[in-house]
PDB file of N, CA and C in Angstrom:
ATOM      1  N   MET A   1      21.087  12.559   7.780  1.00  0.00           N
ATOM      2  CA  MET A   1      21.374  14.347   6.383  1.00  0.00           C
ATOM      3  C   MET A   1      20.654  15.350   7.069  1.00  0.00           C
ATOM      4  N   ALA A   2      21.243  16.402   6.612  1.00  0.00           N
ATOM      5  CA  ALA A   2      20.562  17.751   6.721  1.00  0.00           C
ATOM      6  C   ALA A   2      19.758  18.615   5.870  1.00  0.00           C
ATOM      7  N   PRO A   3      18.683  19.116   6.743  1.00  0.00           N
ATOM      8  CA  PRO A   3      17.754  18.992   5.741  1.00  0.00           C
ATOM      9  C   PRO A   3      17.756  19.900   4.245  1.00  0.00           C
ATOM     10  N   THR A   4      17.301  20.614   3.596  1.00  0.00           N
ATOM     11  CA  THR A   4      17.333  20.444   2.093  1.00  0.00           C
ATOM     12  C   THR A   4      17.915  22.024   2.394  1.00  0.00           C
ATOM     13  N   GLU A   5      18.274  22.092   1.177  1.00  0.00           N
ATOM     14  CA  GLU A   5      17.991  24.184   1.364  1.00  0.00           C
ATOM     15  C   GLU A   5      17.105  24.671   1.406  1.00  0.00           C
ATOM     16  N   HIS A   6      16.715  25.950   1.380  1.00  0.00           N
ATOM     17  CA  HIS A   6      15.640  26.263   1.836  1.00  0.00           C
ATOM     18  C   HIS A   6      15.128  26.478   0.141  1.00  0.00           C
ATOM     19  N   GLY A   7      13.792  26.153   0.124  1.00  0.00           N
ATOM     20  CA  GLY A   7      13.206  26.091  -1.336  1.00  0.00           C
ATOM     21  C   GLY A   7      13.940  25.222  -2.351  1.00  0.00           C
ATOM     22  N   ARG A   8      14.587  24.096  -1.651  1.00  0.00           N
ATOM     23  CA  ARG A   8      14.237  22.671  -2.174  1.00  0.00           C
ATOM     24  C   ARG A   8      13.402  21.588  -1.481  1.00  0.00           C
ATOM     25  N   THR A   9      13.064  20.787  -2.778  1.00  0.00           N
ATOM     26  CA  THR A   9      12.336  20.123  -1.751  1.00  0.00           C
ATOM     27  C   THR A   9      13.608  18.445  -2.307  1.00  0.00           C
ATOM     28  N   THR A  10      13.186  17.909  -1.409  1.00  0.00           N
ATOM     29  CA  THR A  10      14.245  16.001  -0.891  1.00  0.00           C
ATOM     30  C   THR A  10      13.181  14.931  -1.818  1.00  0.00           C
ATOM     31  N   ARG A  11      14.078  14.577  -2.557  1.00  0.00           N
ATOM     32  CA  ARG A  11      13.582  13.442  -3.099  1.00  0.00           C
ATOM     33  C   ARG A  11      13.971  12.022  -2.236  1.00  0.00           C
ATOM     34  N   ILE A  12      12.551  11.518  -1.382  1.00  0.00           N
ATOM     35  CA  ILE A  12      11.985   9.931  -1.219  1.00  0.00           C
ATOM     36  C   ILE A  12      11.884   8.311  -2.026  1.00  0.00           C
ATOM     37  N   ARG A  13      12.127   7.824  -1.881  1.00  0.00           N
ATOM     38  CA  ARG A  13      12.012   6.621  -2.314  1.00  0.00           C
ATOM     39  C   ARG A  13      10.849   5.716  -0.959  1.00  0.00           C
ATOM     40  N   VAL A  14       9.778   4.815  -0.898  1.00  0.00           N
ATOM     41  CA  VAL A  14       8.925   4.706  -0.745  1.00  0.00           C
ATOM     42  C   VAL A  14       8.848   2.591  -1.284  1.00  0.00           C
ATOM     43  N   ARG A  15       9.243   1.274  -0.343  1.00  0.00           N
ATOM     44  CA  ARG A  15       9.311   0.603  -0.785  1.00  0.00           C
ATOM     45  C   ARG A  15       8.485   0.063   0.144  1.00  0.00           C
ATOM     46  N   ALA A  16       7.003  -1.001  -0.822  1.00  0.00           N
ATOM     47  CA  ALA A  16       6.408  -1.629  -0.101  1.00  0.00           C
ATOM     48  C   ALA A  16       5.772  -2.259  -0.661  1.00  0.00           C
ATOM     49  N   GLU A  17       5.392  -3.844  -0.188  1.00  0.00           N
ATOM     50  CA  GLU A  17       4.918  -4.402  -0.888  1.00  0.00           C
ATOM     51  C   GLU A  17       4.633  -5.001  -1.900  1.00  0.00           C
ATOM     52  N   GLY A  18       5.983  -5.051  -2.462  1.00  0.00           N
ATOM     53  CA  GLY A  18       7.201  -5.294  -3.963  1.00  0.00           C
ATOM     54  C   GLY A  18       6.648  -3.995  -4.732  1.00  0.00           C
ATOM     55  N   VAL A  19       6.279  -2.589  -4.335  1.00  0.00           N
ATOM     56  CA  VAL A  19       5.960  -1.375  -4.920  1.00  0.00           C
ATOM     57  C   VAL A  19       7.332  -1.174  -4.725  1.00  0.00           C
ATOM     58  N   VAL A  20       8.025   0.148  -5.537  1.00  0.00           N
ATOM     59  CA  VAL A  20       8.435   1.456  -5.381  1.00  0.00           C
ATOM     60  C   VAL A  20       7.776   2.134  -5.352  1.00  0.00           C
ATOM     61  N   LEU A  21       7.405   3.364  -5.084  1.00  0.00           N
ATOM     62  CA  LEU A  21       7.010   4.845  -5.551  1.00  0.00           C
ATOM     63  C   LEU A  21       8.477   5.296  -5.258  1.00  0.00           C
ATOM     64  N   LEU A  22       7.968   6.229  -6.169  1.00  0.00           N
ATOM     65  CA  LEU A  22       9.389   7.829  -5.734  1.00  0.00           C
ATOM     66  C   LEU A  22       8.262   9.317  -5.243  1.00  0.00           C
ATOM     67  N   GLY A  23       9.102  10.082  -4.643  1.00  0.00           N
ATOM     68  CA  GLY A  23       7.850  11.305  -3.843  1.00  0.00           C
ATOM     69  C   GLY A  23       9.324  12.484  -3.986  1.00  0.00           C
ATOM     70  N   ARG A  24       8.680  13.116  -3.168  1.00  0.00           N
ATOM     71  CA  ARG A  24       9.385  14.710  -3.059  1.00  0.00           C
ATOM     72  C   ARG A  24       8.185  15.264  -1.389  1.00  0.00           C
ATOM     73  N   LEU A  25       9.688  15.400  -0.544  1.00  0.00           N
ATOM     74  CA  LEU A  25       9.399  16.073   0.179  1.00  0.00           C
ATOM     75  C   LEU A  25       9.671  17.437  -0.187  1.00  0.00           C
ATOM     76  N   ASP A  26       8.222  18.760   0.665  1.00  0.00           N
ATOM     77  CA  ASP A  26       8.593  20.180   0.445  1.00  0.00           C
ATOM     78  C   ASP A  26       9.530  20.380   1.718  1.00  0.00           C
ATOM     79  N   ASP A  27       9.656  22.129   1.315  1.00  0.00           N
ATOM     80  CA  ASP A  27      11.244  22.610   2.150  1.00  0.00           C
ATOM     81  C   ASP A  27       9.758  23.287   3.079  1.00  0.00           C
ATOM     82  N   ASN A  28       9.504  22.684   4.182  1.00  0.00           N
ATOM     83  CA  ASN A  28       8.616  22.749   5.034  1.00  0.00           C
ATOM     84  C   ASN A  28       8.945  22.799   6.672  1.00  0.00           C
ATOM     85  N   PRO A  29       8.462  23.073   8.079  1.00  0.00           N
ATOM     86  CA  PRO A  29       9.173  22.471   9.477  1.00  0.00           C
ATOM     87  C   PRO A  29       9.095  20.932   9.564  1.00  0.00           C
ATOM     88  N   ALA A  30       8.132  20.678   9.133  1.00  0.00           N
ATOM     89  CA  ALA A  30       7.308  19.062   9.162  1.00  0.00           C
ATOM     90  C   ALA A  30       8.269  18.625   8.458  1.00  0.00           C
ATOM     91  N   ALA A  31       8.415  19.066   7.219  1.00  0.00           N
ATOM     92  CA  ALA A  31       8.864  17.788   6.134  1.00  0.00           C
ATOM     93  C   ALA A  31      10.618  17.601   6.460  1.00  0.00           C
ATOM     94  N   ARG A  32      11.084  18.870   6.826  1.00  0.00           N
ATOM     95  CA  ARG A  32      12.400  18.429   7.224  1.00  0.00           C
ATOM     96  C   ARG A  32      12.357  18.417   8.567  1.00  0.00           C
ATOM     97  N   ALA A  33      11.645  17.906   9.990  1.00  0.00           N
ATOM     98  CA  ALA A  33      11.446  17.118  10.289  1.00  0.00           C
ATOM     99  C   ALA A  33      11.681  15.239  10.575  1.00  0.00           C
ATOM    100  N   LEU A  34      10.578  14.966   9.500  1.00  0.00           N
ATOM    101  CA  LEU A  34      10.693  13.541   8.946  1.00  0.00           C
ATOM    102  C   LEU A  34      12.065  13.468   8.042  1.00  0.00           C
ATOM    103  N   VAL A  35      12.957  14.083   7.504  1.00  0.00           N
ATOM    104  CA  VAL A  35      13.556  14.235   6.832  1.00  0.00           C
ATOM    105  C   VAL A  35      14.697  13.549   7.829  1.00  0.00           C
ATOM    106  N   GLU A  36      14.271  14.170   9.595  1.00  0.00           N
ATOM    107  CA  GLU A  36      15.605  13.601  10.017  1.00  0.00           C
ATOM    108  C   GLU A  36      14.963  12.456  10.619  1.00  0.00           C
ATOM    109  N   GLN A  37      14.415  11.086  10.539  1.00  0.00           N
ATOM    110  CA  GLN A  37      13.805  10.507  11.172  1.00  0.00           C
ATOM    111  C   GLN A  37      13.853   9.430   9.963  1.00  0.00           C
ATOM    112  N   LEU A  38      14.831   9.830   8.547  1.00  0.00           N
ATOM    113  CA  LEU A  38      14.693   9.189   8.052  1.00  0.00           C
ATOM    114  C   LEU A  38      16.215   8.206   7.553  1.00  0.00           C
ATOM    115  N   PRO A  39      15.987   6.669   6.964  1.00  0.00           N
ATOM    116  CA  PRO A  39      15.245   6.042   6.924  1.00  0.00           C
ATOM    117  C   PRO A  39      14.632   5.266   7.925  1.00  0.00           C
ATOM    118  N   VAL A  40      12.876   4.822   7.380  1.00  0.00           N
ATOM    119  CA  VAL A  40      12.187   4.624   8.735  1.00  0.00           C
ATOM    120  C   VAL A  40      10.949   3.420   7.984  1.00  0.00           C
ATOM    121  N   THR A  41      10.724   2.045   9.090  1.00  0.00           N
ATOM    122  CA  THR A  41      10.110   1.526   8.074  1.00  0.00           C
ATOM    123  C   THR A  41       9.034   1.502   9.932  1.00  0.00           C
ATOM    124  N   LEU A  42       7.504   1.034   8.303  1.00  0.00           N
ATOM    125  CA  LEU A  42       6.164   1.862   8.929  1.00  0.00           C
ATOM    126  C   LEU A  42       5.793   0.700   8.485  1.00  0.00           C
ATOM    127  N   THR A  43       4.474   0.717   9.804  1.00  0.00           N
ATOM    128  CA  THR A  43       3.238  -0.992   9.720  1.00  0.00           C
ATOM    129  C   THR A  43       1.873   0.275   9.074  1.00  0.00           C
ATOM    130  N   PHE A  44       2.132   0.456   7.913  1.00  0.00           N
ATOM    131  CA  PHE A  44       0.439   1.706   7.450  1.00  0.00           C
ATOM    132  C   PHE A  44      -1.023   0.412   8.055  1.00  0.00           C
ATOM    133  N   ARG A  45      -1.627   1.616   7.862  1.00  0.00           N
ATOM    134  CA  ARG A  45      -3.253   0.884   7.929  1.00  0.00           C
ATOM    135  C   ARG A  45      -3.768   1.303   6.689  1.00  0.00           C
ATOM    136  N   HIS A  46      -4.804   1.209   6.028  1.00  0.00           N
ATOM    137  CA  HIS A  46      -5.627   1.594   5.760  1.00  0.00           C
ATOM    138  C   HIS A  46      -7.061   2.692   6.242  1.00  0.00           C
ATOM    139  N   PHE A  47      -7.089   3.655   6.037  1.00  0.00           N
ATOM    140  CA  PHE A  47      -8.506   5.228   7.200  1.00  0.00           C
ATOM    141  C   PHE A  47      -8.872   5.248   5.889  1.00  0.00           C
ATOM    142  N   ASN A  48     -10.659   4.979   5.768  1.00  0.00           N
ATOM    143  CA  ASN A  48     -12.012   5.705   5.233  1.00  0.00           C
ATOM    144  C   ASN A  48     -11.983   5.457   3.608  1.00  0.00           C
ATOM    145  N   ALA A  49     -10.690   4.395   3.335  1.00  0.00           N
ATOM    146  CA  ALA A  49     -11.096   3.983   2.092  1.00  0.00           C
ATOM    147  C   ALA A  49      -9.829   5.317   0.951  1.00  0.00           C
ATOM    148  N   ALA A  50      -8.872   6.163   1.750  1.00  0.00           N
ATOM    149  CA  ALA A  50      -8.922   7.479   1.007  1.00  0.00           C
ATOM    150  C   ALA A  50      -7.755   7.598   0.773  1.00  0.00           C
ATOM    151  N   GLU A  51      -7.178   6.879   2.796  1.00  0.00           N
ATOM    152  CA  GLU A  51      -5.228   7.199   2.928  1.00  0.00           C
ATOM    153  C   GLU A  51      -5.150   5.505   3.733  1.00  0.00           C
ATOM    154  N   LEU A  52      -3.637   5.782   3.688  1.00  0.00           N
ATOM    155  CA  LEU A  52      -2.595   4.689   4.475  1.00  0.00           C
ATOM    156  C   LEU A  52      -2.281   5.761   6.063  1.00  0.00           C
ATOM    157  N   ILE A  53      -2.345   4.846   6.658  1.00  0.00           N
ATOM    158  CA  ILE A  53      -2.019   5.652   7.610  1.00  0.00           C
ATOM    159  C   ILE A  53      -1.132   5.293   9.311  1.00  0.00           C
ATOM    160  N   SER A  54      -0.106   5.637   9.214  1.00  0.00           N
ATOM    161  CA  SER A  54       0.456   5.212  10.386  1.00  0.00           C
ATOM    162  C   SER A  54       1.780   5.701  11.028  1.00  0.00           C
ATOM    163  N   PRO A  55       1.487   6.137  13.026  1.00  0.00           N
ATOM    164  CA  PRO A  55       2.822   6.451  13.503  1.00  0.00           C
ATOM    165  C   PRO A  55       3.709   6.537  13.089  1.00  0.00           C
ATOM    166  N   LEU A  56       4.081   7.664  13.976  1.00  0.00           N
ATOM    167  CA  LEU A  56       5.707   8.055  13.393  1.00  0.00           C
ATOM    168  C   LEU A  56       6.209   7.579  14.897  1.00  0.00           C
ATOM    169  N   HIS A  57       7.316   7.352  14.944  1.00  0.00           N
ATOM    170  CA  HIS A  57       7.688   7.740  16.485  1.00  0.00           C
ATOM    171  C   HIS A  57       8.091   8.555  16.793  1.00  0.00           C
ATOM    172  N   ARG A  58       8.012   9.594  16.413  1.00  0.00           N
ATOM    173  CA  ARG A  58       8.306  10.819  17.014  1.00  0.00           C
ATOM    174  C   ARG A  58       7.116  11.880  16.430  1.00  0.00           C
ATOM    175  N   PRO A  59       6.592  12.548  17.494  1.00  0.00           N
ATOM    176  CA  PRO A  59       6.024  13.653  16.371  1.00  0.00           C
ATOM    177  C   PRO A  59       6.809  14.788  15.630  1.00  0.00           C
ATOM    178  N   LEU A  60       6.139  15.168  14.937  1.00  0.00           N
ATOM    179  CA  LEU A  60       6.957  16.447  13.657  1.00  0.00           C
ATOM    180  C   LEU A  60       5.865  17.558  14.679  1.00  0.00           C
ATOM    181  N   PRO A  61       6.985  18.655  14.250  1.00  0.00           N
ATOM    182  CA  PRO A  61       6.849  20.012  14.519  1.00  0.00           C
ATOM    183  C   PRO A  61       5.836  20.301  13.657  1.00  0.00           C
ATOM    184  N   MET A  62       5.192  21.527  14.565  1.00  0.00           N
ATOM    185  CA  MET A  62       3.506  22.179  13.511  1.00  0.00           C
ATOM    186  C   MET A  62       3.900  23.519  13.435  1.00  0.00           C
ATOM    187  N   ALA A  63       4.757  23.960  14.171  1.00  0.00           N
ATOM    188  CA  ALA A  63       4.711  24.621  14.602  1.00  0.00           C
ATOM    189  C   ALA A  63       5.758  25.347  13.070  1.00  0.00           C
ATOM    190  N   GLY A  64       4.615  26.931  12.296  1.00  0.00           N
ATOM    191  CA  GLY A  64       5.357  27.889  10.913  1.00  0.00           C
ATOM    192  C   GLY A  64       4.633  26.744   9.826  1.00  0.00           C
ATOM    193  N   MET A  65       3.604  26.007  10.165  1.00  0.00           N
ATOM    194  CA  MET A  65       2.788  25.003   9.137  1.00  0.00           C
ATOM    195  C   MET A  65       1.191  25.590   9.447  1.00  0.00           C
ATOM    196  N   PRO A  66       0.173  25.815   8.477  1.00  0.00           N
ATOM    197  CA  PRO A  66      -0.724  26.160   8.080  1.00  0.00           C
ATOM    198  C   PRO A  66      -1.787  24.958   9.622  1.00  0.00           C
ATOM    199  N   ALA A  67      -2.958  26.113   9.858  1.00  0.00           N
ATOM    200  CA  ALA A  67      -3.422  25.442  10.803  1.00  0.00           C
ATOM    201  C   ALA A  67      -4.367  23.705  10.235  1.00  0.00           C
ATOM    202  N   GLY A  68      -3.951  23.546   8.495  1.00  0.00           N
ATOM    203  CA  GLY A  68      -5.035  22.698   8.268  1.00  0.00           C
ATOM    204  C   GLY A  68      -5.054  22.843   7.124  1.00  0.00           C
ATOM    205  N   ALA A  69      -5.509  21.237   5.995  1.00  0.00           N
ATOM    206  CA  ALA A  69      -5.322  21.312   5.051  1.00  0.00           C
ATOM    207  C   ALA A  69      -6.273  20.423   4.050  1.00  0.00           C
ATOM    208  N   ASP A  70      -6.419  20.561   2.759  1.00  0.00           N
ATOM    209  CA  ASP A  70      -7.097  20.036   1.983  1.00  0.00           C
ATOM    210  C   ASP A  70      -5.943  18.524   1.138  1.00  0.00           C
ATOM    211  N   PRO A  71      -5.997  17.545   1.497  1.00  0.00           N
ATOM    212  CA  PRO A  71      -4.502  17.116   1.103  1.00  0.00           C
ATOM    213  C   PRO A  71      -5.206  16.598  -0.121  1.00  0.00           C
ATOM    214  N   SER A  72      -4.499  16.193  -1.505  1.00  0.00           N
ATOM    215  CA  SER A  72      -5.245  15.904  -2.762  1.00  0.00           C
ATOM    216  C   SER A  72      -4.487  14.394  -2.675  1.00  0.00           C
ATOM    217  N   PRO A  73      -5.222  13.554  -3.593  1.00  0.00           N
ATOM    218  CA  PRO A  73      -4.327  12.159  -3.348  1.00  0.00           C
ATOM    219  C   PRO A  73      -3.017  12.287  -4.346  1.00  0.00           C
ATOM    220  N   GLN A  74      -2.342  11.418  -3.976  1.00  0.00           N
ATOM    221  CA  GLN A  74      -1.465  11.349  -4.184  1.00  0.00           C
ATOM    222  C   GLN A  74      -0.073  12.218  -3.465  1.00  0.00           C
ATOM    223  N   ASP A  75      -0.543  12.993  -2.504  1.00  0.00           N
ATOM    224  CA  ASP A  75      -0.141  13.404  -1.309  1.00  0.00           C
ATOM    225  C   ASP A  75       0.064  13.090  -0.199  1.00  0.00           C
ATOM    226  N   ILE A  76       1.348  13.571   0.556  1.00  0.00           N
ATOM    227  CA  ILE A  76       2.088  12.879   1.774  1.00  0.00           C
ATOM    228  C   ILE A  76       1.988  13.661   2.684  1.00  0.00           C
ATOM    229  N   GLY A  77       1.653  13.396   3.519  1.00  0.00           N
ATOM    230  CA  GLY A  77       0.969  14.280   4.810  1.00  0.00           C
ATOM    231  C   GLY A  77       0.813  14.119   6.078  1.00  0.00           C
ATOM    232  N   TYR A  78       1.095  14.682   7.236  1.00  0.00           N
ATOM    233  CA  TYR A  78       0.851  13.976   8.777  1.00  0.00           C
ATOM    234  C   TYR A  78      -0.733  14.868   9.486  1.00  0.00           C
ATOM    235  N   TYR A  79      -0.746  14.696   9.792  1.00  0.00           N
ATOM    236  CA  TYR A  79      -1.925  14.429  11.037  1.00  0.00           C
ATOM    237  C   TYR A  79      -1.630  14.628  12.505  1.00  0.00           C
ATOM    238  N   ALA A  80      -1.046  15.557  12.704  1.00  0.00           N
ATOM    239  CA  ALA A  80      -0.945  16.231  14.866  1.00  0.00           C
ATOM    240  C   ALA A  80      -1.887  15.728  15.384  1.00  0.00           C
ATOM    241  N   PRO A  81      -2.975  15.443  15.402  1.00  0.00           N
ATOM    242  CA  PRO A  81      -3.357  14.813  16.229  1.00  0.00           C
ATOM    243  C   PRO A  81      -2.661  14.064  16.747  1.00  0.00           C
ATOM    244  N   SER A  82      -3.055  12.860  15.824  1.00  0.00           N
ATOM    245  CA  SER A  82      -2.501  11.449  16.032  1.00  0.00           C
ATOM    246  C   SER A  82      -1.238  10.716  15.329  1.00  0.00           C
ATOM    247  N   ARG A  83      -0.835  11.711  15.230  1.00  0.00           N
ATOM    248  CA  ARG A  83       1.177  12.050  14.880  1.00  0.00           C
ATOM    249  C   ARG A  83       1.397  10.757  13.863  1.00  0.00           C
ATOM    250  N   ASP A  84       0.293  10.787  12.854  1.00  0.00           N
ATOM    251  CA  ASP A  84       0.560   9.969  11.817  1.00  0.00           C
ATOM    252  C   ASP A  84       0.678  10.242  10.627  1.00  0.00           C
ATOM    253  N   LEU A  85       1.588   9.447  10.634  1.00  0.00           N
ATOM    254  CA  LEU A  85       2.076   9.979   8.219  1.00  0.00           C
ATOM    255  C   LEU A  85       1.070   9.392   7.707  1.00  0.00           C
ATOM    256  N   VAL A  86       0.731   9.651   6.772  1.00  0.00           N
ATOM    257  CA  VAL A  86      -0.428   9.764   5.091  1.00  0.00           C
ATOM    258  C   VAL A  86       0.115   9.841   3.925  1.00  0.00           C
ATOM    259  N   PHE A  87      -0.282   8.946   3.602  1.00  0.00           N
ATOM    260  CA  PHE A  87      -0.191   8.480   2.141  1.00  0.00           C
ATOM    261  C   PHE A  87      -2.149   8.665   1.527  1.00  0.00           C
ATOM    262  N   TYR A  88      -2.176   9.944   1.091  1.00  0.00           N
ATOM    263  CA  TYR A  88      -3.592  10.009  -0.021  1.00  0.00           C
ATOM    264  C   TYR A  88      -3.260   9.172  -0.978  1.00  0.00           C
ATOM    265  N   TYR A  89      -4.475   8.329  -0.896  1.00  0.00           N
ATOM    266  CA  TYR A  89      -5.009   7.821  -2.764  1.00  0.00           C
ATOM    267  C   TYR A  89      -6.346   8.431  -2.560  1.00  0.00           C
ATOM    268  N   GLY A  90      -6.810   8.901  -1.787  1.00  0.00           N
ATOM    269  CA  GLY A  90      -8.621   8.792  -1.721  1.00  0.00           C
ATOM    270  C   GLY A  90      -9.004  10.717  -1.520  1.00  0.00           C
ATOM    271  N   ASP A  91      -9.933  11.838  -1.300  1.00  0.00           N
ATOM    272  CA  ASP A  91      -9.648  12.640  -1.208  1.00  0.00           C
ATOM    273  C   ASP A  91     -10.952  12.597   0.166  1.00  0.00           C
ATOM    274  N   VAL A  92     -10.031  13.530   1.383  1.00  0.00           N
ATOM    275  CA  VAL A  92     -10.383  13.426   2.464  1.00  0.00           C
ATOM    276  C   VAL A  92     -11.320  15.384   2.745  1.00  0.00           C
ATOM    277  N   GLY A  93     -10.682  15.763   1.962  1.00  0.00           N
ATOM    278  CA  GLY A  93     -11.578  17.500   2.789  1.00  0.00           C
ATOM    279  C   GLY A  93     -10.388  17.933   3.713  1.00  0.00           C
ATOM    280  N   PHE A  94     -11.236  18.986   3.773  1.00  0.00           N
ATOM    281  CA  PHE A  94     -10.355  20.017   4.480  1.00  0.00           C
ATOM    282  C   PHE A  94     -10.029  19.793   5.917  1.00  0.00           C
ATOM    283  N   TRP A  95      -8.755  19.011   6.909  1.00  0.00           N
ATOM    284  CA  TRP A  95      -9.140  18.957   8.439  1.00  0.00           C
ATOM    285  C   TRP A  95      -7.943  19.649   8.852  1.00  0.00           C
ATOM    286  N   ASN A  96      -8.164  20.316  10.323  1.00  0.00           N
ATOM    287  CA  ASN A  96      -7.540  20.699  11.169  1.00  0.00           C
ATOM    288  C   ASN A  96      -6.671  20.229  11.435  1.00  0.00           C
ATOM    289  N   GLY A  97      -5.457  19.995  11.701  1.00  0.00           N
ATOM    290  CA  GLY A  97      -4.126  18.938  11.984  1.00  0.00           C
ATOM    291  C   GLY A  97      -3.076  18.512  10.789  1.00  0.00           C
ATOM    292  N   ILE A  98      -3.718  18.926   9.294  1.00  0.00           N
ATOM    293  CA  ILE A  98      -3.156  17.884   8.208  1.00  0.00           C
ATOM    294  C   ILE A  98      -2.219  19.379   8.290  1.00  0.00           C
ATOM    295  N   ALA A  99      -1.126  18.243   7.720  1.00  0.00           N
ATOM    296  CA  ALA A  99      -0.037  19.628   7.444  1.00  0.00           C
ATOM    297  C   ALA A  99       0.730  18.314   6.112  1.00  0.00           C
ATOM    298  N   ILE A 100       0.362  18.942   4.990  1.00  0.00           N
ATOM    299  CA  ILE A 100       1.151  18.351   4.050  1.00  0.00           C
ATOM    300  C   ILE A 100       2.443  18.613   3.499  1.00  0.00           C
ATOM    301  N   LEU A 101       3.009  17.207   3.465  1.00  0.00           N
ATOM    302  CA  LEU A 101       4.866  16.729   3.761  1.00  0.00           C
ATOM    303  C   LEU A 101       5.089  17.391   2.123  1.00  0.00           C
ATOM    304  N   GLY A 102       4.045  16.346   1.121  1.00  0.00           N
ATOM    305  CA  GLY A 102       4.624  16.609  -0.145  1.00  0.00           C
ATOM    306  C   GLY A 102       3.900  15.626  -0.689  1.00  0.00           C
ATOM    307  N   SER A 103       4.416  14.671  -2.055  1.00  0.00           N
ATOM    308  CA  SER A 103       3.659  14.368  -3.319  1.00  0.00           C
ATOM    309  C   SER A 103       4.494  13.066  -3.923  1.00  0.00           C
ATOM    310  N   PHE A 104       4.018  12.282  -4.365  1.00  0.00           N
ATOM    311  CA  PHE A 104       3.953  11.287  -5.120  1.00  0.00           C
ATOM    312  C   PHE A 104       3.852  11.871  -6.474  1.00  0.00           C
ATOM    313  N   GLU A 105       5.149  10.762  -6.913  1.00  0.00           N
ATOM    314  CA  GLU A 105       5.134  10.983  -8.578  1.00  0.00           C
ATOM    315  C   GLU A 105       5.318   9.882  -8.879  1.00  0.00           C
ATOM    316  N   SER A 106       5.110   8.338  -8.365  1.00  0.00           N
ATOM    317  CA  SER A 106       4.346   7.607  -7.888  1.00  0.00           C
ATOM    318  C   SER A 106       3.061   6.985  -8.407  1.00  0.00           C
ATOM    319  N   ASP A 107       2.090   6.673  -8.930  1.00  0.00           N
ATOM    320  CA  ASP A 107       0.880   6.080  -8.805  1.00  0.00           C
ATOM    321  C   ASP A 107       0.449   5.766  -7.369  1.00  0.00           C
ATOM    322  N   LEU A 108      -0.330   5.446  -6.208  1.00  0.00           N
ATOM    323  CA  LEU A 108      -0.533   4.696  -5.202  1.00  0.00           C
ATOM    324  C   LEU A 108      -2.010   3.670  -5.429  1.00  0.00           C
ATOM    325  N   ALA A 109      -2.070   3.424  -6.544  1.00  0.00           N
ATOM    326  CA  ALA A 109      -2.708   2.635  -7.151  1.00  0.00           C
ATOM    327  C   ALA A 109      -2.512   0.819  -6.391  1.00  0.00           C
ATOM    328  N   ALA A 110      -1.896   0.788  -6.729  1.00  0.00           N
ATOM    329  CA  ALA A 110      -1.310  -0.833  -5.940  1.00  0.00           C
ATOM    330  C   ALA A 110      -0.947  -1.051  -4.812  1.00  0.00           C
ATOM    331  N   LEU A 111      -0.523   0.204  -4.465  1.00  0.00           N
ATOM    332  CA  LEU A 111      -0.921   0.283  -2.435  1.00  0.00           C
ATOM    333  C   LEU A 111      -2.481   0.847  -1.845  1.00  0.00           C
ATOM    334  N   ALA A 112      -3.482   1.603  -2.600  1.00  0.00           N
ATOM    335  CA  ALA A 112      -5.353   1.827  -2.097  1.00  0.00           C
ATOM    336  C   ALA A 112      -5.057   0.721  -2.282  1.00  0.00           C
ATOM    337  N   HIS A 113      -5.110  -0.112  -3.355  1.00  0.00           N
ATOM    338  CA  HIS A 113      -5.823  -1.706  -4.067  1.00  0.00           C
ATOM    339  C   HIS A 113      -5.461  -2.815  -2.858  1.00  0.00           C
ATOM    340  N   HIS A 114      -3.846  -2.964  -2.006  1.00  0.00           N
ATOM    341  CA  HIS A 114      -3.618  -4.102  -1.232  1.00  0.00           C
ATOM    342  C   HIS A 114      -4.780  -3.873  -0.067  1.00  0.00           C
ATOM    343  N   ASP A 115      -4.865  -4.951   0.022  1.00  0.00           N
ATOM    344  CA  ASP A 115      -5.609  -6.793   1.217  1.00  0.00           C
ATOM    345  C   ASP A 115      -5.010  -6.508   2.599  1.00  0.00           C
ATOM    346  N   GLY A 116      -5.578  -5.548   3.225  1.00  0.00           N
ATOM    347  CA  GLY A 116      -5.113  -5.482   4.601  1.00  0.00           C
ATOM    348  C   GLY A 116      -3.612  -4.331   5.165  1.00  0.00           C
ATOM    349  N   ASP A 117      -3.291  -4.746   6.320  1.00  0.00           N
ATOM    350  CA  ASP A 117      -1.823  -3.498   5.964  1.00  0.00           C
ATOM    351  C   ASP A 117      -0.753  -3.711   5.275  1.00  0.00           C
ATOM    352  N   VAL A 118       0.271  -2.675   5.688  1.00  0.00           N
ATOM    353  CA  VAL A 118       1.173  -2.468   4.515  1.00  0.00           C
ATOM    354  C   VAL A 118       2.372  -1.955   5.086  1.00  0.00           C
ATOM    355  N   THR A 119       3.328  -2.605   4.630  1.00  0.00           N
ATOM    356  CA  THR A 119       5.224  -2.432   5.753  1.00  0.00           C
ATOM    357  C   THR A 119       5.256  -1.985   5.188  1.00  0.00           C
ATOM    358  N   ALA A 120       6.340  -0.160   5.060  1.00  0.00           N
ATOM    359  CA  ALA A 120       6.758   0.726   3.822  1.00  0.00           C
ATOM    360  C   ALA A 120       8.102   0.427   4.635  1.00  0.00           C
ATOM    361  N   THR A 121       8.802   0.797   3.649  1.00  0.00           N
ATOM    362  CA  THR A 121      10.265   1.833   4.637  1.00  0.00           C
ATOM    363  C   THR A 121      10.318   3.000   3.172  1.00  0.00           C
ATOM    364  N   VAL A 122      10.893   4.349   4.285  1.00  0.00           N
ATOM    365  CA  VAL A 122      10.552   5.290   3.312  1.00  0.00           C
ATOM    366  C   VAL A 122      12.396   5.594   3.773  1.00  0.00           C
ATOM    367  N   GLU A 123      12.550   6.612   2.759  1.00  0.00           N
ATOM    368  CA  GLU A 123      14.008   6.609   2.166  1.00  0.00           C
ATOM    369  C   GLU A 123      14.442   7.986   1.680  1.00  0.00           C
ATOM    370  N   LEU A 124      15.289   8.042   2.005  1.00  0.00           N
ATOM    371  CA  LEU A 124      15.616   9.545   0.920  1.00  0.00           C
ATOM    372  C   LEU A 124      16.372   8.576  -0.299  1.00  0.00           C
ATOM    373  N   MET A 125      16.192   9.313  -1.450  1.00  0.00           N
ATOM    374  CA  MET A 125      17.326   8.720  -2.601  1.00  0.00           C
ATOM    375  C   MET A 125      18.864   9.094  -2.837  1.00  0.00           C
ATOM    376  N   GLN A 126      18.924   8.939  -2.963  1.00  0.00           N
ATOM    377  CA  GLN A 126      19.985   8.856  -3.318  1.00  0.00           C
ATOM    378  C   GLN A 126      20.902   9.320  -4.620  1.00  0.00           C
TER     379      GLN A 126
END
């Protein structure tokens, strides 16, 4: 699917462990590149009791993105040094290499409290 028009967001759905989450991706270079990889099924692991992370099959471009970010809970991000897609459910503070891709409209609590790895399919909403 083609990237979003300038200034618009792309709606996504994440299906994971019997939970369906709705979210949006912003109109930025890294988020547009993620859209090109969808749909994708990834295995996420908990990290620092604040995020779910999974390496992407292909890296996202960081050109035109800020050098770092301070994501909020519910944000969807990318951590460039490890090529990880990140779902934030806690506060991690500012880190260089983080790009904010969008955010969830649905609460991540069910996945935040899930024991073990989380298999999730990220797809565009039609």
